[in-house]
């Protein structure tokens, strides 16, 4: 019996290489913060626009710093709150971000969106 399945990844930092190697798509946490860029990367790849897809892949690298902070999903919620999407705070047992990490998130978001 043959079983069909889709190969999805969640590592947005290697999204384009994974697609090139045969991944069907992704469920990256970064899509919560930069959904349009993730969708555009996927569409560019599917349309064969590799240079455009590469540019987007490199553009999203700063968001990696947010997604790798300890306390998932607190960093994502904080980033979304900074962007004006009121998603509230994490609930126990997950701990909120430290003030130092909140500052990092704000700095990364501000730099990232000023860069675009």
PDB file of N, CA and C in Angstrom:
ATOM      1  N   UNK A   1       0.842  -1.176   0.000  1.00  0.00           N
ATOM      2  CA  UNK A   1       0.000   0.000   0.000  1.00  0.00           C
ATOM      3  C   UNK A   1       0.888   1.240   0.000  1.00  0.00           C
ATOM      4  N   UNK A   2       0.683   2.093  -0.966  1.00  0.00           N
ATOM      5  CA  UNK A   2       1.459   3.323  -1.098  1.00  0.00           C
ATOM      6  C   UNK A   2       0.777   4.432  -0.307  1.00  0.00           C
ATOM      7  N   UNK A   3       1.542   5.109   0.515  1.00  0.00           N
ATOM      8  CA  UNK A   3       1.008   6.211   1.318  1.00  0.00           C
ATOM      9  C   UNK A   3       1.559   7.522   0.771  1.00  0.00           C
ATOM     10  N   UNK A   4       0.665   8.420   0.434  1.00  0.00           N
ATOM     11  CA  UNK A   4       1.080   9.748  -0.009  1.00  0.00           C
ATOM     12  C   UNK A   4       1.207  10.658   1.201  1.00  0.00           C
ATOM     13  N   UNK A   5       2.209  11.489   1.192  1.00  0.00           N
ATOM     14  CA  UNK A   5       2.374  12.455   2.268  1.00  0.00           C
ATOM     15  C   UNK A   5       3.055  13.692   1.712  1.00  0.00           C
ATOM     16  N   UNK A   6       2.899  14.772   2.423  1.00  0.00           N
ATOM     17  CA  UNK A   6       3.567  16.025   2.074  1.00  0.00           C
ATOM     18  C   UNK A   6       4.720  16.234   3.028  1.00  0.00           C
ATOM     19  N   UNK A   7       5.820  16.663   2.480  1.00  0.00           N
ATOM     20  CA  UNK A   7       7.013  16.934   3.269  1.00  0.00           C
ATOM     21  C   UNK A   7       7.045  18.432   3.575  1.00  0.00           C
ATOM     22  N   UNK A   8       6.703  18.788   4.811  1.00  0.00           N
ATOM     23  CA  UNK A   8       6.701  20.181   5.240  1.00  0.00           C
ATOM     24  C   UNK A   8       7.818  20.412   6.244  1.00  0.00           C
ATOM     25  N   UNK A   9       8.359  21.612   6.239  1.00  0.00           N
ATOM     26  CA  UNK A   9       9.393  21.951   7.210  1.00  0.00           C
ATOM     27  C   UNK A   9       8.924  23.125   8.045  1.00  0.00           C
ATOM     28  N   UNK A  10       9.588  23.355   9.160  1.00  0.00           N
ATOM     29  CA  UNK A  10       9.270  24.532   9.967  1.00  0.00           C
ATOM     30  C   UNK A  10      10.482  25.439  10.148  1.00  0.00           C
ATOM     31  N   UNK A  11      11.551  25.119   9.500  1.00  0.00           N
ATOM     32  CA  UNK A  11      12.786  25.904   9.632  1.00  0.00           C
ATOM     33  C   UNK A  11      12.857  26.938   8.518  1.00  0.00           C
ATOM     34  N   UNK A  12      12.326  28.112   8.794  1.00  0.00           N
ATOM     35  CA  UNK A  12      12.252  29.171   7.800  1.00  0.00           C
ATOM     36  C   UNK A  12      13.623  29.640   7.346  1.00  0.00           C
ATOM     37  N   UNK A  13      14.659  29.418   8.174  1.00  0.00           N
ATOM     38  CA  UNK A  13      15.995  29.859   7.787  1.00  0.00           C
ATOM     39  C   UNK A  13      16.571  29.016   6.652  1.00  0.00           C
ATOM     40  N   UNK A  14      15.972  27.861   6.398  1.00  0.00           N
ATOM     41  CA  UNK A  14      16.394  27.037   5.261  1.00  0.00           C
ATOM     42  C   UNK A  14      15.198  26.717   4.357  1.00  0.00           C
ATOM     43  N   UNK A  15      14.222  27.604   4.358  1.00  0.00           N
ATOM     44  CA  UNK A  15      13.016  27.357   3.575  1.00  0.00           C
ATOM     45  C   UNK A  15      13.336  27.155   2.094  1.00  0.00           C
ATOM     46  N   UNK A  16      14.035  28.075   1.491  1.00  0.00           N
ATOM     47  CA  UNK A  16      14.337  27.946   0.069  1.00  0.00           C
ATOM     48  C   UNK A  16      15.175  26.704  -0.233  1.00  0.00           C
ATOM     49  N   UNK A  17      16.263  26.451   0.498  1.00  0.00           N
ATOM     50  CA  UNK A  17      17.008  25.209   0.214  1.00  0.00           C
ATOM     51  C   UNK A  17      16.139  23.961   0.364  1.00  0.00           C
ATOM     52  N   UNK A  18      15.250  23.952   1.333  1.00  0.00           N
ATOM     53  CA  UNK A  18      14.376  22.790   1.528  1.00  0.00           C
ATOM     54  C   UNK A  18      13.435  22.619   0.339  1.00  0.00           C
ATOM     55  N   UNK A  19      12.897  23.721  -0.169  1.00  0.00           N
ATOM     56  CA  UNK A  19      12.030  23.641  -1.345  1.00  0.00           C
ATOM     57  C   UNK A  19      12.808  23.115  -2.550  1.00  0.00           C
ATOM     58  N   UNK A  20      14.024  23.602  -2.713  1.00  0.00           N
ATOM     59  CA  UNK A  20      14.875  23.141  -3.819  1.00  0.00           C
ATOM     60  C   UNK A  20      15.123  21.635  -3.718  1.00  0.00           C
ATOM     61  N   UNK A  21      15.274  21.150  -2.485  1.00  0.00           N
ATOM     62  CA  UNK A  21      15.544  19.724  -2.271  1.00  0.00           C
ATOM     63  C   UNK A  21      14.285  18.853  -2.259  1.00  0.00           C
ATOM     64  N   UNK A  22      13.116  19.474  -2.469  1.00  0.00           N
ATOM     65  CA  UNK A  22      11.909  18.677  -2.615  1.00  0.00           C
ATOM     66  C   UNK A  22      10.833  18.845  -1.560  1.00  0.00           C
ATOM     67  N   UNK A  23      11.033  19.710  -0.591  1.00  0.00           N
ATOM     68  CA  UNK A  23       9.971  19.939   0.397  1.00  0.00           C
ATOM     69  C   UNK A  23       8.745  20.494  -0.329  1.00  0.00           C
ATOM     70  N   UNK A  24       7.575  20.109   0.149  1.00  0.00           N
ATOM     71  CA  UNK A  24       6.329  20.569  -0.466  1.00  0.00           C
ATOM     72  C   UNK A  24       5.916  21.949   0.024  1.00  0.00           C
ATOM     73  N   UNK A  25       6.390  22.329   1.182  1.00  0.00           N
ATOM     74  CA  UNK A  25       6.013  23.610   1.757  1.00  0.00           C
ATOM     75  C   UNK A  25       6.571  23.727   3.153  1.00  0.00           C
ATOM     76  N   UNK A  26       5.990  24.649   3.909  1.00  0.00           N
ATOM     77  CA  UNK A  26       6.505  24.901   5.249  1.00  0.00           C
ATOM     78  C   UNK A  26       5.381  25.404   6.159  1.00  0.00           C
ATOM     79  N   UNK A  27       5.632  25.263   7.423  1.00  0.00           N
ATOM     80  CA  UNK A  27       4.766  25.824   8.462  1.00  0.00           C
ATOM     81  C   UNK A  27       5.695  26.573   9.419  1.00  0.00           C
ATOM     82  N   UNK A  28       6.302  27.645   8.920  1.00  0.00           N
ATOM     83  CA  UNK A  28       7.290  28.349   9.744  1.00  0.00           C
ATOM     84  C   UNK A  28       6.645  29.320  10.717  1.00  0.00           C
ATOM     85  N   UNK A  29       7.157  29.354  11.917  1.00  0.00           N
ATOM     86  CA  UNK A  29       6.635  30.262  12.931  1.00  0.00           C
ATOM     87  C   UNK A  29       6.802  31.710  12.492  1.00  0.00           C
ATOM     88  N   UNK A  30       7.809  31.973  11.681  1.00  0.00           N
ATOM     89  CA  UNK A  30       8.051  33.345  11.214  1.00  0.00           C
ATOM     90  C   UNK A  30       6.904  33.866  10.361  1.00  0.00           C
ATOM     91  N   UNK A  31       6.086  32.985   9.810  1.00  0.00           N
ATOM     92  CA  UNK A  31       4.945  33.415   9.000  1.00  0.00           C
ATOM     93  C   UNK A  31       3.937  34.197   9.823  1.00  0.00           C
ATOM     94  N   UNK A  32       3.980  34.048  11.135  1.00  0.00           N
ATOM     95  CA  UNK A  32       3.118  34.862  11.989  1.00  0.00           C
ATOM     96  C   UNK A  32       3.556  36.320  11.973  1.00  0.00           C
ATOM     97  N   UNK A  33       4.841  36.549  11.818  1.00  0.00           N
ATOM     98  CA  UNK A  33       5.399  37.901  11.865  1.00  0.00           C
ATOM     99  C   UNK A  33       5.473  38.519  10.470  1.00  0.00           C
ATOM    100  N   UNK A  34       5.910  37.738   9.501  1.00  0.00           N
ATOM    101  CA  UNK A  34       6.109  38.240   8.133  1.00  0.00           C
ATOM    102  C   UNK A  34       5.398  37.335   7.123  1.00  0.00           C
ATOM    103  N   UNK A  35       4.079  37.219   7.211  1.00  0.00           N
ATOM    104  CA  UNK A  35       3.375  36.277   6.344  1.00  0.00           C
ATOM    105  C   UNK A  35       3.550  36.559   4.857  1.00  0.00           C
ATOM    106  N   UNK A  36       3.505  37.823   4.459  1.00  0.00           N
ATOM    107  CA  UNK A  36       3.607  38.138   3.036  1.00  0.00           C
ATOM    108  C   UNK A  36       4.949  37.722   2.449  1.00  0.00           C
ATOM    109  N   UNK A  37       6.019  37.930   3.206  1.00  0.00           N
ATOM    110  CA  UNK A  37       7.337  37.544   2.698  1.00  0.00           C
ATOM    111  C   UNK A  37       7.454  36.032   2.545  1.00  0.00           C
ATOM    112  N   UNK A  38       6.927  35.288   3.506  1.00  0.00           N
ATOM    113  CA  UNK A  38       6.999  33.826   3.422  1.00  0.00           C
ATOM    114  C   UNK A  38       6.188  33.328   2.228  1.00  0.00           C
ATOM    115  N   UNK A  39       4.997  33.876   2.042  1.00  0.00           N
ATOM    116  CA  UNK A  39       4.159  33.483   0.903  1.00  0.00           C
ATOM    117  C   UNK A  39       4.845  33.865  -0.406  1.00  0.00           C
ATOM    118  N   UNK A  40       5.419  35.061  -0.462  1.00  0.00           N
ATOM    119  CA  UNK A  40       6.098  35.493  -1.688  1.00  0.00           C
ATOM    120  C   UNK A  40       7.319  34.641  -2.002  1.00  0.00           C
ATOM    121  N   UNK A  41       8.031  34.212  -0.973  1.00  0.00           N
ATOM    122  CA  UNK A  41       9.169  33.318  -1.191  1.00  0.00           C
ATOM    123  C   UNK A  41       8.683  32.015  -1.837  1.00  0.00           C
ATOM    124  N   UNK A  42       7.635  31.448  -1.270  1.00  0.00           N
ATOM    125  CA  UNK A  42       7.082  30.195  -1.787  1.00  0.00           C
ATOM    126  C   UNK A  42       6.580  30.366  -3.229  1.00  0.00           C
ATOM    127  N   UNK A  43       5.833  31.436  -3.466  1.00  0.00           N
ATOM    128  CA  UNK A  43       5.307  31.675  -4.817  1.00  0.00           C
ATOM    129  C   UNK A  43       6.441  31.900  -5.815  1.00  0.00           C
ATOM    130  N   UNK A  44       7.438  32.670  -5.417  1.00  0.00           N
ATOM    131  CA  UNK A  44       8.574  32.924  -6.318  1.00  0.00           C
ATOM    132  C   UNK A  44       9.263  31.627  -6.688  1.00  0.00           C
ATOM    133  N   UNK A  45       9.459  30.764  -5.700  1.00  0.00           N
ATOM    134  CA  UNK A  45      10.082  29.471  -5.982  1.00  0.00           C
ATOM    135  C   UNK A  45       9.230  28.662  -6.948  1.00  0.00           C
ATOM    136  N   UNK A  46       7.949  28.558  -6.680  1.00  0.00           N
ATOM    137  CA  UNK A  46       7.047  27.755  -7.518  1.00  0.00           C
ATOM    138  C   UNK A  46       6.958  28.284  -8.944  1.00  0.00           C
ATOM    139  N   UNK A  47       7.136  29.610  -9.115  1.00  0.00           N
ATOM    140  CA  UNK A  47       7.092  30.210 -10.450  1.00  0.00           C
ATOM    141  C   UNK A  47       8.462  30.184 -11.128  1.00  0.00           C
ATOM    142  N   UNK A  48       9.465  29.608 -10.453  1.00  0.00           N
ATOM    143  CA  UNK A  48      10.795  29.513 -11.041  1.00  0.00           C
ATOM    144  C   UNK A  48      11.612  30.789 -10.946  1.00  0.00           C
ATOM    145  N   UNK A  49      11.177  31.730 -10.139  1.00  0.00           N
ATOM    146  CA  UNK A  49      11.904  32.997  -9.973  1.00  0.00           C
ATOM    147  C   UNK A  49      12.894  32.851  -8.826  1.00  0.00           C
ATOM    148  N   UNK A  50      13.960  32.110  -9.090  1.00  0.00           N
ATOM    149  CA  UNK A  50      14.920  31.772  -8.037  1.00  0.00           C
ATOM    150  C   UNK A  50      15.646  32.983  -7.472  1.00  0.00           C
ATOM    151  N   UNK A  51      16.003  33.929  -8.293  1.00  0.00           N
ATOM    152  CA  UNK A  51      16.709  35.112  -7.788  1.00  0.00           C
ATOM    153  C   UNK A  51      15.826  35.888  -6.821  1.00  0.00           C
ATOM    154  N   UNK A  52      14.563  36.037  -7.164  1.00  0.00           N
ATOM    155  CA  UNK A  52      13.628  36.723  -6.275  1.00  0.00           C
ATOM    156  C   UNK A  52      13.456  35.937  -4.971  1.00  0.00           C
ATOM    157  N   UNK A  53      13.327  34.620  -5.087  1.00  0.00           N
ATOM    158  CA  UNK A  53      13.187  33.769  -3.895  1.00  0.00           C
ATOM    159  C   UNK A  53      14.428  33.880  -3.005  1.00  0.00           C
ATOM    160  N   UNK A  54      15.613  33.912  -3.612  1.00  0.00           N
ATOM    161  CA  UNK A  54      16.852  34.054  -2.831  1.00  0.00           C
ATOM    162  C   UNK A  54      16.888  35.376  -2.084  1.00  0.00           C
ATOM    163  N   UNK A  55      16.486  36.450  -2.760  1.00  0.00           N
ATOM    164  CA  UNK A  55      16.474  37.761  -2.108  1.00  0.00           C
ATOM    165  C   UNK A  55      15.563  37.746  -0.889  1.00  0.00           C
ATOM    166  N   UNK A  56      14.411  37.127  -1.028  1.00  0.00           N
ATOM    167  CA  UNK A  56      13.473  37.062   0.099  1.00  0.00           C
ATOM    168  C   UNK A  56      14.050  36.196   1.211  1.00  0.00           C
ATOM    169  N   UNK A  57      14.666  35.072   0.849  1.00  0.00           N
ATOM    170  CA  UNK A  57      15.262  34.193   1.854  1.00  0.00           C
ATOM    171  C   UNK A  57      16.279  34.962   2.696  1.00  0.00           C
ATOM    172  N   UNK A  58      17.101  35.766   2.036  1.00  0.00           N
ATOM    173  CA  UNK A  58      18.094  36.548   2.776  1.00  0.00           C
ATOM    174  C   UNK A  58      17.445  37.669   3.583  1.00  0.00           C
ATOM    175  N   UNK A  59      16.351  38.239   3.071  1.00  0.00           N
ATOM    176  CA  UNK A  59      15.655  39.310   3.782  1.00  0.00           C
ATOM    177  C   UNK A  59      15.117  38.846   5.126  1.00  0.00           C
ATOM    178  N   UNK A  60      14.644  37.608   5.196  1.00  0.00           N
ATOM    179  CA  UNK A  60      13.978  37.144   6.414  1.00  0.00           C
ATOM    180  C   UNK A  60      14.954  36.706   7.505  1.00  0.00           C
ATOM    181  N   UNK A  61      16.231  36.688   7.209  1.00  0.00           N
ATOM    182  CA  UNK A  61      17.220  36.227   8.189  1.00  0.00           C
ATOM    183  C   UNK A  61      17.137  36.959   9.536  1.00  0.00           C
ATOM    184  N   UNK A  62      16.951  38.280   9.578  1.00  0.00           N
ATOM    185  CA  UNK A  62      16.887  38.929  10.902  1.00  0.00           C
ATOM    186  C   UNK A  62      15.770  38.400  11.799  1.00  0.00           C
ATOM    187  N   UNK A  63      14.700  37.911  11.229  1.00  0.00           N
ATOM    188  CA  UNK A  63      13.592  37.393  12.034  1.00  0.00           C
ATOM    189  C   UNK A  63      14.019  36.123  12.776  1.00  0.00           C
ATOM    190  N   UNK A  64      15.035  35.451  12.281  1.00  0.00           N
ATOM    191  CA  UNK A  64      15.562  34.260  12.962  1.00  0.00           C
ATOM    192  C   UNK A  64      15.958  34.598  14.391  1.00  0.00           C
ATOM    193  N   UNK A  65      16.542  35.776  14.579  1.00  0.00           N
ATOM    194  CA  UNK A  65      16.978  36.176  15.918  1.00  0.00           C
ATOM    195  C   UNK A  65      15.811  36.252  16.899  1.00  0.00           C
ATOM    196  N   UNK A  66      14.649  36.648  16.415  1.00  0.00           N
ATOM    197  CA  UNK A  66      13.466  36.680  17.286  1.00  0.00           C
ATOM    198  C   UNK A  66      13.014  35.259  17.594  1.00  0.00           C
ATOM    199  N   UNK A  67      12.884  34.465  16.568  1.00  0.00           N
ATOM    200  CA  UNK A  67      12.334  33.118  16.721  1.00  0.00           C
ATOM    201  C   UNK A  67      13.227  32.190  17.522  1.00  0.00           C
ATOM    202  N   UNK A  68      14.484  32.547  17.686  1.00  0.00           N
ATOM    203  CA  UNK A  68      15.393  31.697  18.450  1.00  0.00           C
ATOM    204  C   UNK A  68      15.573  32.138  19.898  1.00  0.00           C
ATOM    205  N   UNK A  69      14.855  33.174  20.311  1.00  0.00           N
ATOM    206  CA  UNK A  69      14.918  33.562  21.716  1.00  0.00           C
ATOM    207  C   UNK A  69      14.236  32.480  22.554  1.00  0.00           C
ATOM    208  N   UNK A  70      14.716  32.273  23.775  1.00  0.00           N
ATOM    209  CA  UNK A  70      14.074  31.254  24.612  1.00  0.00           C
ATOM    210  C   UNK A  70      12.685  31.718  25.048  1.00  0.00           C
ATOM    211  N   UNK A  71      11.792  30.799  25.221  1.00  0.00           N
ATOM    212  CA  UNK A  71      10.457  31.065  25.748  1.00  0.00           C
ATOM    213  C   UNK A  71       9.392  31.101  24.664  1.00  0.00           C
ATOM    214  N   UNK A  72       9.522  30.243  23.664  1.00  0.00           N
ATOM    215  CA  UNK A  72       8.494  30.143  22.631  1.00  0.00           C
ATOM    216  C   UNK A  72       7.158  29.822  23.280  1.00  0.00           C
ATOM    217  N   UNK A  73       6.104  30.458  22.922  1.00  0.00           N
ATOM    218  CA  UNK A  73       5.892  31.436  21.855  1.00  0.00           C
ATOM    219  C   UNK A  73       5.912  32.889  22.327  1.00  0.00           C
ATOM    220  N   UNK A  74       6.493  33.148  23.475  1.00  0.00           N
ATOM    221  CA  UNK A  74       6.481  34.515  24.024  1.00  0.00           C
ATOM    222  C   UNK A  74       7.106  35.519  23.063  1.00  0.00           C
ATOM    223  N   UNK A  75       8.187  35.142  22.403  1.00  0.00           N
ATOM    224  CA  UNK A  75       8.857  36.078  21.500  1.00  0.00           C
ATOM    225  C   UNK A  75       7.987  36.403  20.288  1.00  0.00           C
ATOM    226  N   UNK A  76       7.215  35.430  19.826  1.00  0.00           N
ATOM    227  CA  UNK A  76       6.337  35.653  18.683  1.00  0.00           C
ATOM    228  C   UNK A  76       5.195  36.588  19.097  1.00  0.00           C
ATOM    229  N   UNK A  77       4.607  36.308  20.246  1.00  0.00           N
ATOM    230  CA  UNK A  77       3.529  37.172  20.737  1.00  0.00           C
ATOM    231  C   UNK A  77       4.031  38.598  20.951  1.00  0.00           C
ATOM    232  N   UNK A  78       5.228  38.734  21.496  1.00  0.00           N
ATOM    233  CA  UNK A  78       5.774  40.063  21.725  1.00  0.00           C
ATOM    234  C   UNK A  78       5.994  40.789  20.399  1.00  0.00           C
ATOM    235  N   UNK A  79       6.538  40.093  19.413  1.00  0.00           N
ATOM    236  CA  UNK A  79       6.762  40.698  18.094  1.00  0.00           C
ATOM    237  C   UNK A  79       5.438  41.134  17.477  1.00  0.00           C
ATOM    238  N   UNK A  80       4.420  40.305  17.574  1.00  0.00           N
ATOM    239  CA  UNK A  80       3.118  40.662  17.022  1.00  0.00           C
ATOM    240  C   UNK A  80       2.513  41.854  17.755  1.00  0.00           C
ATOM    241  N   UNK A  81       2.681  41.902  19.072  1.00  0.00           N
ATOM    242  CA  UNK A  81       2.202  43.058  19.836  1.00  0.00           C
ATOM    243  C   UNK A  81       2.922  44.327  19.405  1.00  0.00           C
ATOM    244  N   UNK A  82       4.232  44.240  19.177  1.00  0.00           N
ATOM    245  CA  UNK A  82       5.008  45.398  18.713  1.00  0.00           C
ATOM    246  C   UNK A  82       4.484  45.874  17.354  1.00  0.00           C
ATOM    247  N   UNK A  83       4.067  44.930  16.525  1.00  0.00           N
ATOM    248  CA  UNK A  83       3.557  45.262  15.190  1.00  0.00           C
ATOM    249  C   UNK A  83       2.114  45.764  15.219  1.00  0.00           C
ATOM    250  N   UNK A  84       1.537  45.841  16.412  1.00  0.00           N
ATOM    251  CA  UNK A  84       0.185  46.362  16.529  1.00  0.00           C
ATOM    252  C   UNK A  84      -0.910  45.310  16.469  1.00  0.00           C
ATOM    253  N   UNK A  85      -0.537  44.058  16.407  1.00  0.00           N
ATOM    254  CA  UNK A  85      -1.509  42.974  16.419  1.00  0.00           C
ATOM    255  C   UNK A  85      -1.651  42.518  17.866  1.00  0.00           C
ATOM    256  N   UNK A  86      -2.706  42.900  18.483  1.00  0.00           N
ATOM    257  CA  UNK A  86      -2.880  42.649  19.911  1.00  0.00           C
ATOM    258  C   UNK A  86      -3.242  41.184  20.165  1.00  0.00           C
ATOM    259  N   UNK A  87      -2.216  40.394  20.454  1.00  0.00           N
ATOM    260  CA  UNK A  87      -2.418  38.961  20.705  1.00  0.00           C
ATOM    261  C   UNK A  87      -2.279  38.612  22.179  1.00  0.00           C
ATOM    262  N   UNK A  88      -2.032  39.610  23.003  1.00  0.00           N
ATOM    263  CA  UNK A  88      -1.927  39.373  24.440  1.00  0.00           C
ATOM    264  C   UNK A  88      -0.597  38.760  24.834  1.00  0.00           C
ATOM    265  N   UNK A  89      -0.579  38.281  26.050  1.00  0.00           N
ATOM    266  CA  UNK A  89       0.640  37.703  26.618  1.00  0.00           C
ATOM    267  C   UNK A  89       0.500  36.186  26.719  1.00  0.00           C
ATOM    268  N   UNK A  90       1.612  35.533  26.960  1.00  0.00           N
ATOM    269  CA  UNK A  90       1.588  34.078  27.127  1.00  0.00           C
ATOM    270  C   UNK A  90       0.915  33.726  28.451  1.00  0.00           C
ATOM    271  N   UNK A  91       0.446  32.500  28.512  1.00  0.00           N
ATOM    272  CA  UNK A  91      -0.167  32.003  29.749  1.00  0.00           C
ATOM    273  C   UNK A  91       0.741  30.956  30.371  1.00  0.00           C
ATOM    274  N   UNK A  92       0.611  30.785  31.664  1.00  0.00           N
ATOM    275  CA  UNK A  92       1.402  29.786  32.378  1.00  0.00           C
ATOM    276  C   UNK A  92       1.090  28.410  31.818  1.00  0.00           C
ATOM    277  N   UNK A  93       2.083  27.568  31.750  1.00  0.00           N
ATOM    278  CA  UNK A  93       3.381  27.595  32.405  1.00  0.00           C
ATOM    279  C   UNK A  93       4.471  28.318  31.609  1.00  0.00           C
ATOM    280  N   UNK A  94       4.135  28.866  30.449  1.00  0.00           N
ATOM    281  CA  UNK A  94       5.135  29.570  29.647  1.00  0.00           C
ATOM    282  C   UNK A  94       5.428  30.916  30.295  1.00  0.00           C
ATOM    283  N   UNK A  95       6.690  31.235  30.371  1.00  0.00           N
ATOM    284  CA  UNK A  95       7.121  32.484  30.995  1.00  0.00           C
ATOM    285  C   UNK A  95       7.203  33.597  29.959  1.00  0.00           C
ATOM    286  N   UNK A  96       6.903  34.822  30.364  1.00  0.00           N
ATOM    287  CA  UNK A  96       7.066  35.945  29.444  1.00  0.00           C
ATOM    288  C   UNK A  96       8.546  36.217  29.192  1.00  0.00           C
ATOM    289  N   UNK A  97       8.791  36.993  28.165  1.00  0.00           N
ATOM    290  CA  UNK A  97      10.174  37.374  27.861  1.00  0.00           C
ATOM    291  C   UNK A  97      10.739  38.262  28.961  1.00  0.00           C
ATOM    292  N   UNK A  98      12.023  38.178  29.153  1.00  0.00           N
ATOM    293  CA  UNK A  98      12.695  39.107  30.060  1.00  0.00           C
ATOM    294  C   UNK A  98      12.685  40.488  29.420  1.00  0.00           C
ATOM    295  N   UNK A  99      12.905  41.499  30.206  1.00  0.00           N
ATOM    296  CA  UNK A  99      12.953  42.870  29.668  1.00  0.00           C
ATOM    297  C   UNK A  99      14.051  42.993  28.612  1.00  0.00           C
ATOM    298  N   UNK A 100      15.156  42.322  28.843  1.00  0.00           N
ATOM    299  CA  UNK A 100      16.270  42.355  27.884  1.00  0.00           C
ATOM    300  C   UNK A 100      15.841  41.759  26.543  1.00  0.00           C
ATOM    301  N   UNK A 101      15.135  40.633  26.580  1.00  0.00           N
ATOM    302  CA  UNK A 101      14.691  40.013  25.340  1.00  0.00           C
ATOM    303  C   UNK A 101      13.557  40.786  24.676  1.00  0.00           C
ATOM    304  N   UNK A 102      12.704  41.429  25.479  1.00  0.00           N
ATOM    305  CA  UNK A 102      11.670  42.290  24.897  1.00  0.00           C
ATOM    306  C   UNK A 102      12.313  43.436  24.124  1.00  0.00           C
ATOM    307  N   UNK A 103      13.381  43.980  24.692  1.00  0.00           N
ATOM    308  CA  UNK A 103      14.106  45.066  24.026  1.00  0.00           C
ATOM    309  C   UNK A 103      14.702  44.572  22.709  1.00  0.00           C
ATOM    310  N   UNK A 104      15.264  43.353  22.716  1.00  0.00           N
ATOM    311  CA  UNK A 104      15.819  42.759  21.487  1.00  0.00           C
ATOM    312  C   UNK A 104      14.743  42.621  20.417  1.00  0.00           C
ATOM    313  N   UNK A 105      13.578  42.127  20.828  1.00  0.00           N
ATOM    314  CA  UNK A 105      12.478  41.941  19.867  1.00  0.00           C
ATOM    315  C   UNK A 105      12.092  43.280  19.252  1.00  0.00           C
ATOM    316  N   UNK A 106      11.905  44.301  20.086  1.00  0.00           N
ATOM    317  CA  UNK A 106      11.532  45.621  19.571  1.00  0.00           C
ATOM    318  C   UNK A 106      12.590  46.161  18.609  1.00  0.00           C
ATOM    319  N   UNK A 107      13.852  45.988  18.973  1.00  0.00           N
ATOM    320  CA  UNK A 107      14.942  46.480  18.129  1.00  0.00           C
ATOM    321  C   UNK A 107      14.970  45.749  16.788  1.00  0.00           C
ATOM    322  N   UNK A 108      14.834  44.438  16.817  1.00  0.00           N
ATOM    323  CA  UNK A 108      14.851  43.652  15.575  1.00  0.00           C
ATOM    324  C   UNK A 108      13.670  44.033  14.690  1.00  0.00           C
ATOM    325  N   UNK A 109      12.484  44.124  15.281  1.00  0.00           N
ATOM    326  CA  UNK A 109      11.291  44.485  14.507  1.00  0.00           C
ATOM    327  C   UNK A 109      11.442  45.874  13.896  1.00  0.00           C
ATOM    328  N   UNK A 110      11.871  46.831  14.688  1.00  0.00           N
ATOM    329  CA  UNK A 110      12.036  48.197  14.172  1.00  0.00           C
ATOM    330  C   UNK A 110      13.067  48.241  13.053  1.00  0.00           C
ATOM    331  N   UNK A 111      14.211  47.596  13.251  1.00  0.00           N
ATOM    332  CA  UNK A 111      15.236  47.575  12.202  1.00  0.00           C
ATOM    333  C   UNK A 111      14.744  46.851  10.953  1.00  0.00           C
ATOM    334  N   UNK A 112      14.078  45.738  11.146  1.00  0.00           N
ATOM    335  CA  UNK A 112      13.614  44.939  10.014  1.00  0.00           C
ATOM    336  C   UNK A 112      12.618  45.707   9.162  1.00  0.00           C
ATOM    337  N   UNK A 113      11.620  46.296   9.783  1.00  0.00           N
ATOM    338  CA  UNK A 113      10.583  46.971   9.012  1.00  0.00           C
ATOM    339  C   UNK A 113      11.022  48.333   8.488  1.00  0.00           C
ATOM    340  N   UNK A 114      12.020  48.954   9.098  1.00  0.00           N
ATOM    341  CA  UNK A 114      12.600  50.161   8.519  1.00  0.00           C
ATOM    342  C   UNK A 114      13.459  49.810   7.318  1.00  0.00           C
ATOM    343  N   UNK A 115      14.051  48.614   7.325  1.00  0.00           N
ATOM    344  CA  UNK A 115      14.890  48.147   6.221  1.00  0.00           C
ATOM    345  C   UNK A 115      14.053  47.878   4.983  1.00  0.00           C
ATOM    346  N   UNK A 116      12.875  47.308   5.183  1.00  0.00           N
ATOM    347  CA  UNK A 116      11.997  46.994   4.043  1.00  0.00           C
ATOM    348  C   UNK A 116      11.504  48.286   3.424  1.00  0.00           C
TER     349      UNK A 116
END
